[in-house]
């Protein structure tokens, strides 16, 4: 009556609430896994995408009523898909040759799709996709571990050790003896490390250079035993690892 767009009834409210509930469930799963994008992020992007689609469907009815303008509602949906890539790109990062955040970025993208489906009047599809999300994140990892139990895995191992004590040879020997093949290894000089005391309790100022060794290993999936063996070696200061093909992002 006042010339405002139509499409502000209980049907649209129900579609927004459905997007809120389904995207909250998806975000809760990410929150429980302590991911960078959790409950609030997934809920907001899902409900926001639903609102954008509702605006695209009903926000221009007052203009269309004049009969001289033709609009394509699908253009807004296409812009939502491309625009969410900025958020997804911000969730993906690389740290020491290990890529993190791919799964979380994909889940954010799926939350947007669920929100759009709710706003488009496709609640059954939104429910199916939400159920598929939980099937993938909870059902697929055991299947992947079962299927790849005998397949060699690629791991990234970082070792910091004191120079001049023959640690490099020991590290490489331990890796090969544990069944790993060294695909790539690179060393880099770090800061100086100082010894603390001599046999009389006096502080020594003898400085030793620290070397950082980064290795890419191919072999058994579990590297815990190798890490423990490396940490027990004399001259080793720090040891850490990251699975290159980790599926639990």
Protein backbone atom coordinates (compact mmCIF):
# COMPACT_ATOMS: atom_id res chain seq x y z
CA UNK A 1 0.00 0.00 0.00
CA UNK A 2 2.86 2.35 0.72
CA UNK A 3 4.73 1.38 -2.41
CA UNK A 4 7.23 -0.79 -0.55
CA UNK A 5 8.46 -4.11 -2.05
CA UNK A 6 6.40 -7.20 -1.33
CA UNK A 7 7.90 -10.40 0.06
CA UNK A 8 8.10 -9.48 3.75
CA UNK A 9 5.73 -12.11 5.08
CA UNK A 10 6.07 -15.10 7.37
CA UNK A 11 7.32 -17.24 4.50
CA UNK A 12 10.46 -15.16 4.17
CA UNK A 13 10.91 -15.05 7.95
CA UNK A 14 10.70 -18.85 8.02
CA UNK A 15 13.32 -19.07 5.27
CA UNK A 16 15.68 -16.81 7.21
CA UNK A 17 15.14 -18.78 10.42
CA UNK A 18 15.80 -22.05 8.60
CA UNK A 19 19.05 -20.61 7.24
CA UNK A 20 19.91 -19.49 10.78
CA UNK A 21 19.35 -22.95 12.25
CA UNK A 22 21.10 -24.98 9.54
CA UNK A 23 24.12 -22.67 9.26
CA UNK A 24 24.39 -22.59 13.07
CA UNK A 25 24.61 -26.38 13.09
CA UNK A 26 27.37 -26.29 10.50
CA UNK A 27 29.20 -23.53 12.39
CA UNK A 28 28.86 -25.40 15.68
CA UNK A 29 30.76 -28.34 14.22
CA UNK A 30 33.60 -26.01 13.17
CA UNK A 31 33.51 -24.30 16.59
CA UNK A 32 33.87 -27.62 18.41
CA UNK A 33 36.95 -28.35 16.31
CA UNK A 34 38.35 -24.92 17.24
CA UNK A 35 38.68 -23.71 13.67
CA UNK A 36 39.36 -20.11 12.73
CA UNK A 37 35.82 -19.70 11.35
CA UNK A 38 33.34 -21.04 13.85
CA UNK A 39 29.73 -20.68 14.93
CA UNK A 40 29.34 -16.93 14.47
CA UNK A 41 31.10 -16.75 11.10
CA UNK A 42 29.13 -19.57 9.48
CA UNK A 43 25.84 -18.35 10.90
CA UNK A 44 26.38 -14.78 9.74
CA UNK A 45 27.48 -15.66 6.21
CA UNK A 46 24.60 -18.13 5.81
CA UNK A 47 21.89 -15.78 7.02
CA UNK A 48 23.45 -12.89 5.13
CA UNK A 49 23.46 -14.89 1.90
CA UNK A 50 19.81 -15.80 2.49
CA UNK A 51 18.87 -12.16 2.98
CA UNK A 52 20.75 -11.12 -0.16
CA UNK A 53 18.84 -13.69 -2.16
CA UNK A 54 15.52 -12.56 -0.70
CA UNK A 55 16.37 -8.98 -1.60
CA UNK A 56 17.15 -10.17 -5.11
CA UNK A 57 13.81 -11.97 -5.35
CA UNK A 58 11.51 -9.42 -3.71
CA UNK A 59 13.41 -6.18 -3.19
CA UNK A 60 12.55 -4.66 -6.56
CA UNK A 61 8.87 -5.50 -6.91
CA UNK A 62 7.93 -1.84 -6.58
CA UNK A 63 10.14 -0.98 -9.53
CA UNK A 64 8.96 -3.91 -11.61
CA UNK A 65 5.37 -2.87 -11.03
CA UNK A 66 5.83 -0.08 -13.53
CA UNK A 67 6.28 -2.71 -16.23
CA UNK A 68 9.19 -0.96 -17.96
CA UNK A 69 12.12 -2.58 -16.11
CA UNK A 70 13.27 -6.19 -16.37
CA UNK A 71 15.60 -7.61 -13.70
CA UNK A 72 17.50 -10.90 -13.42
CA UNK A 73 17.32 -12.13 -9.79
CA UNK A 74 20.02 -14.75 -10.45
CA UNK A 75 22.67 -12.03 -10.81
CA UNK A 76 22.70 -11.38 -7.05
CA UNK A 77 23.10 -15.10 -6.33
CA UNK A 78 26.07 -15.24 -8.71
CA UNK A 79 27.68 -12.28 -6.94
CA UNK A 80 27.20 -13.99 -3.57
CA UNK A 81 29.13 -17.04 -4.81
CA UNK A 82 32.03 -14.95 -6.08
CA UNK A 83 32.03 -12.56 -3.14
CA UNK A 84 32.32 -15.27 -0.51
CA UNK A 85 35.68 -16.16 -2.04
CA UNK A 86 37.23 -13.22 -0.18
CA UNK A 87 36.31 -14.75 3.16
CA UNK A 88 37.41 -18.20 2.06
CA UNK A 89 40.74 -16.88 0.82
CA UNK A 90 41.38 -15.25 4.19
CA UNK A 91 40.94 -18.59 5.97
CA UNK A 92 43.59 -20.40 3.92
CA UNK A 93 47.22 -19.97 4.93
CA UNK A 94 50.51 -21.75 4.39
CA UNK A 95 52.96 -22.35 7.22
CA UNK A 96 56.22 -24.16 6.52
CA UNK A 97 54.94 -25.85 3.37
CA UNK A 98 51.76 -27.02 5.15
CA UNK A 99 48.42 -25.72 3.83
CA UNK A 100 45.74 -25.10 6.45
CA UNK A 101 42.14 -23.90 6.29
CA UNK A 102 41.01 -25.46 3.01
CA UNK A 103 38.24 -27.49 4.61
CA UNK A 104 37.01 -24.57 6.71
CA UNK A 105 36.94 -22.32 3.63
CA UNK A 106 34.92 -24.95 1.78
CA UNK A 107 32.49 -25.22 4.70
CA UNK A 108 31.95 -21.44 4.67
CA UNK A 109 31.18 -21.71 0.97
CA UNK A 110 28.70 -24.52 1.72
CA UNK A 111 27.04 -22.44 4.45
CA UNK A 112 26.40 -19.72 1.89
CA UNK A 113 24.88 -22.31 -0.45
CA UNK A 114 22.61 -23.56 2.35
CA UNK A 115 21.48 -20.03 3.14
CA UNK A 116 20.74 -19.35 -0.53
CA UNK A 117 18.77 -22.59 -0.83
CA UNK A 118 16.65 -21.65 2.19
CA UNK A 119 15.90 -18.20 0.75
CA UNK A 120 15.15 -19.65 -2.69
CA UNK A 121 12.35 -21.78 -1.23
CA UNK A 122 14.29 -25.05 -1.42
CA UNK A 123 14.30 -26.22 2.23
CA UNK A 124 14.57 -29.91 1.34
CA UNK A 125 17.79 -29.31 -0.60
CA UNK A 126 19.16 -27.19 2.25
CA UNK A 127 18.44 -29.99 4.74
CA UNK A 128 20.06 -32.60 2.50
CA UNK A 129 23.21 -30.51 2.02
CA UNK A 130 23.46 -29.85 5.76
CA UNK A 131 23.20 -33.58 6.43
CA UNK A 132 25.81 -34.18 3.72
CA UNK A 133 28.16 -31.80 5.51
CA UNK A 134 28.07 -33.85 8.70
CA UNK A 135 28.45 -37.06 6.70
CA UNK A 136 31.60 -35.72 5.06
CA UNK A 137 33.28 -34.23 8.13
CA UNK A 138 32.50 -37.15 10.47
CA UNK A 139 32.10 -40.13 8.17
CA UNK A 140 34.85 -39.59 5.62
CA UNK A 141 37.94 -39.33 7.89
CA UNK A 142 37.62 -42.93 9.17
CA UNK A 143 37.14 -44.14 5.61
CA UNK A 144 40.19 -42.19 4.45
CA UNK A 145 42.32 -43.60 7.26
CA UNK A 146 41.13 -47.11 6.41
CA UNK A 147 41.78 -46.72 2.70
CA UNK A 148 45.20 -45.08 3.14
CA UNK A 149 46.46 -47.17 6.05
CA UNK A 150 49.13 -48.83 3.91
CA UNK A 151 49.79 -45.83 1.66
CA UNK A 152 52.91 -43.81 2.47
CA UNK A 153 52.25 -40.33 3.80
CA UNK A 154 54.21 -37.13 3.25
CA UNK A 155 55.20 -35.27 6.40
CA UNK A 156 57.13 -32.09 7.07
CA UNK A 157 59.60 -32.26 9.95
CA UNK A 158 61.54 -29.35 11.40
CA UNK A 159 64.58 -29.94 13.61
CA UNK A 160 66.67 -27.26 15.34
CA UNK A 161 70.08 -28.45 16.54
CA UNK A 162 73.47 -27.13 17.63
CA UNK A 163 76.12 -26.94 14.97
CA UNK A 164 79.39 -28.84 15.21
CA UNK A 165 78.09 -31.92 17.06
CA UNK A 166 77.36 -34.22 14.12
CA UNK A 167 73.61 -34.01 14.61
CA UNK A 168 72.71 -33.78 10.91
CA UNK A 169 74.10 -37.22 10.10
CA UNK A 170 72.33 -38.73 13.11
CA UNK A 171 68.99 -37.16 12.13
CA UNK A 172 69.17 -38.45 8.56
CA UNK A 173 70.19 -41.93 9.72
CA UNK A 174 67.28 -42.09 12.18
CA UNK A 175 64.84 -41.02 9.48
CA UNK A 176 65.98 -43.68 7.01
CA UNK A 177 66.20 -46.39 9.65
CA UNK A 178 62.59 -45.61 10.66
CA UNK A 179 61.40 -46.33 7.12
CA UNK A 180 61.21 -42.79 5.76
CA UNK A 181 62.61 -41.52 2.48
CA UNK A 182 63.97 -37.98 2.58
CA UNK A 183 62.45 -36.16 -0.39
CA UNK A 184 63.78 -32.73 0.45
CA UNK A 185 66.07 -31.29 3.11
CA UNK A 186 67.28 -27.74 3.63
CA UNK A 187 69.26 -26.12 6.45
CA UNK A 188 69.32 -22.54 7.64
CA UNK A 189 71.44 -20.79 10.25
CA UNK A 190 69.65 -19.34 13.27
CA UNK A 191 70.71 -17.47 16.41
CA UNK A 192 73.45 -18.45 18.85
CA UNK A 193 72.96 -20.82 21.76
CA UNK A 194 75.12 -20.54 24.90
CA UNK A 195 76.16 -23.26 27.34
CA UNK A 196 75.16 -22.67 30.93
CA UNK A 197 77.71 -23.97 33.45
CA UNK A 198 80.92 -25.95 33.72
CA UNK A 199 81.74 -28.65 36.29
CA UNK A 200 82.49 -25.97 38.91
CA UNK A 201 79.18 -24.20 38.46
CA UNK A 202 80.69 -21.29 36.55
CA UNK A 203 78.83 -19.89 33.55
CA UNK A 204 80.51 -20.46 30.22
CA UNK A 205 80.13 -17.95 27.40
CA UNK A 206 80.94 -20.44 24.66
CA UNK A 207 78.50 -19.72 21.83
CA UNK A 208 77.27 -22.36 19.42
CA UNK A 209 75.35 -21.68 16.26
CA UNK A 210 71.88 -23.18 15.88
CA UNK A 211 70.91 -24.85 12.61
CA UNK A 212 67.32 -25.26 11.42
CA UNK A 213 66.72 -28.38 9.31
CA UNK A 214 63.49 -28.78 7.33
CA UNK A 215 62.79 -32.18 5.81
CA UNK A 216 60.00 -33.59 3.66
CA UNK A 217 59.66 -37.29 4.50
CA UNK A 218 57.73 -40.05 2.75
CA UNK A 219 56.92 -43.11 4.82
CA UNK A 220 54.63 -44.36 7.60
CA UNK A 221 51.78 -42.04 8.55
CA UNK A 222 52.69 -41.88 12.25
CA UNK A 223 55.85 -39.85 12.91
CA UNK A 224 55.53 -39.82 16.70
CA UNK A 225 58.19 -42.46 17.25
CA UNK A 226 60.61 -40.66 14.94
CA UNK A 227 59.99 -37.34 16.69
CA UNK A 228 60.63 -38.91 20.08
CA UNK A 229 63.87 -40.44 18.83
CA UNK A 230 65.02 -37.14 17.35
CA UNK A 231 64.19 -35.20 20.52
CA UNK A 232 66.35 -37.59 22.59
CA UNK A 233 69.45 -36.95 20.51
CA UNK A 234 72.23 -34.87 22.01
CA UNK A 235 72.43 -31.44 20.44
CA UNK A 236 68.79 -31.32 19.30
CA UNK A 237 67.04 -28.20 20.59
CA UNK A 238 63.53 -28.46 19.08
CA UNK A 239 61.47 -30.80 16.90
CA UNK A 240 58.07 -30.26 15.28
CA UNK A 241 56.05 -31.68 12.42
CA UNK A 242 53.06 -31.06 10.18
CA UNK A 243 51.19 -33.54 7.97
CA UNK A 244 51.31 -32.35 4.37
CA UNK A 245 48.17 -34.25 3.39
CA UNK A 246 46.25 -33.68 6.58
CA UNK A 247 42.50 -34.18 6.08
CA UNK A 248 41.30 -32.76 9.41
CA UNK A 249 41.46 -29.03 8.70
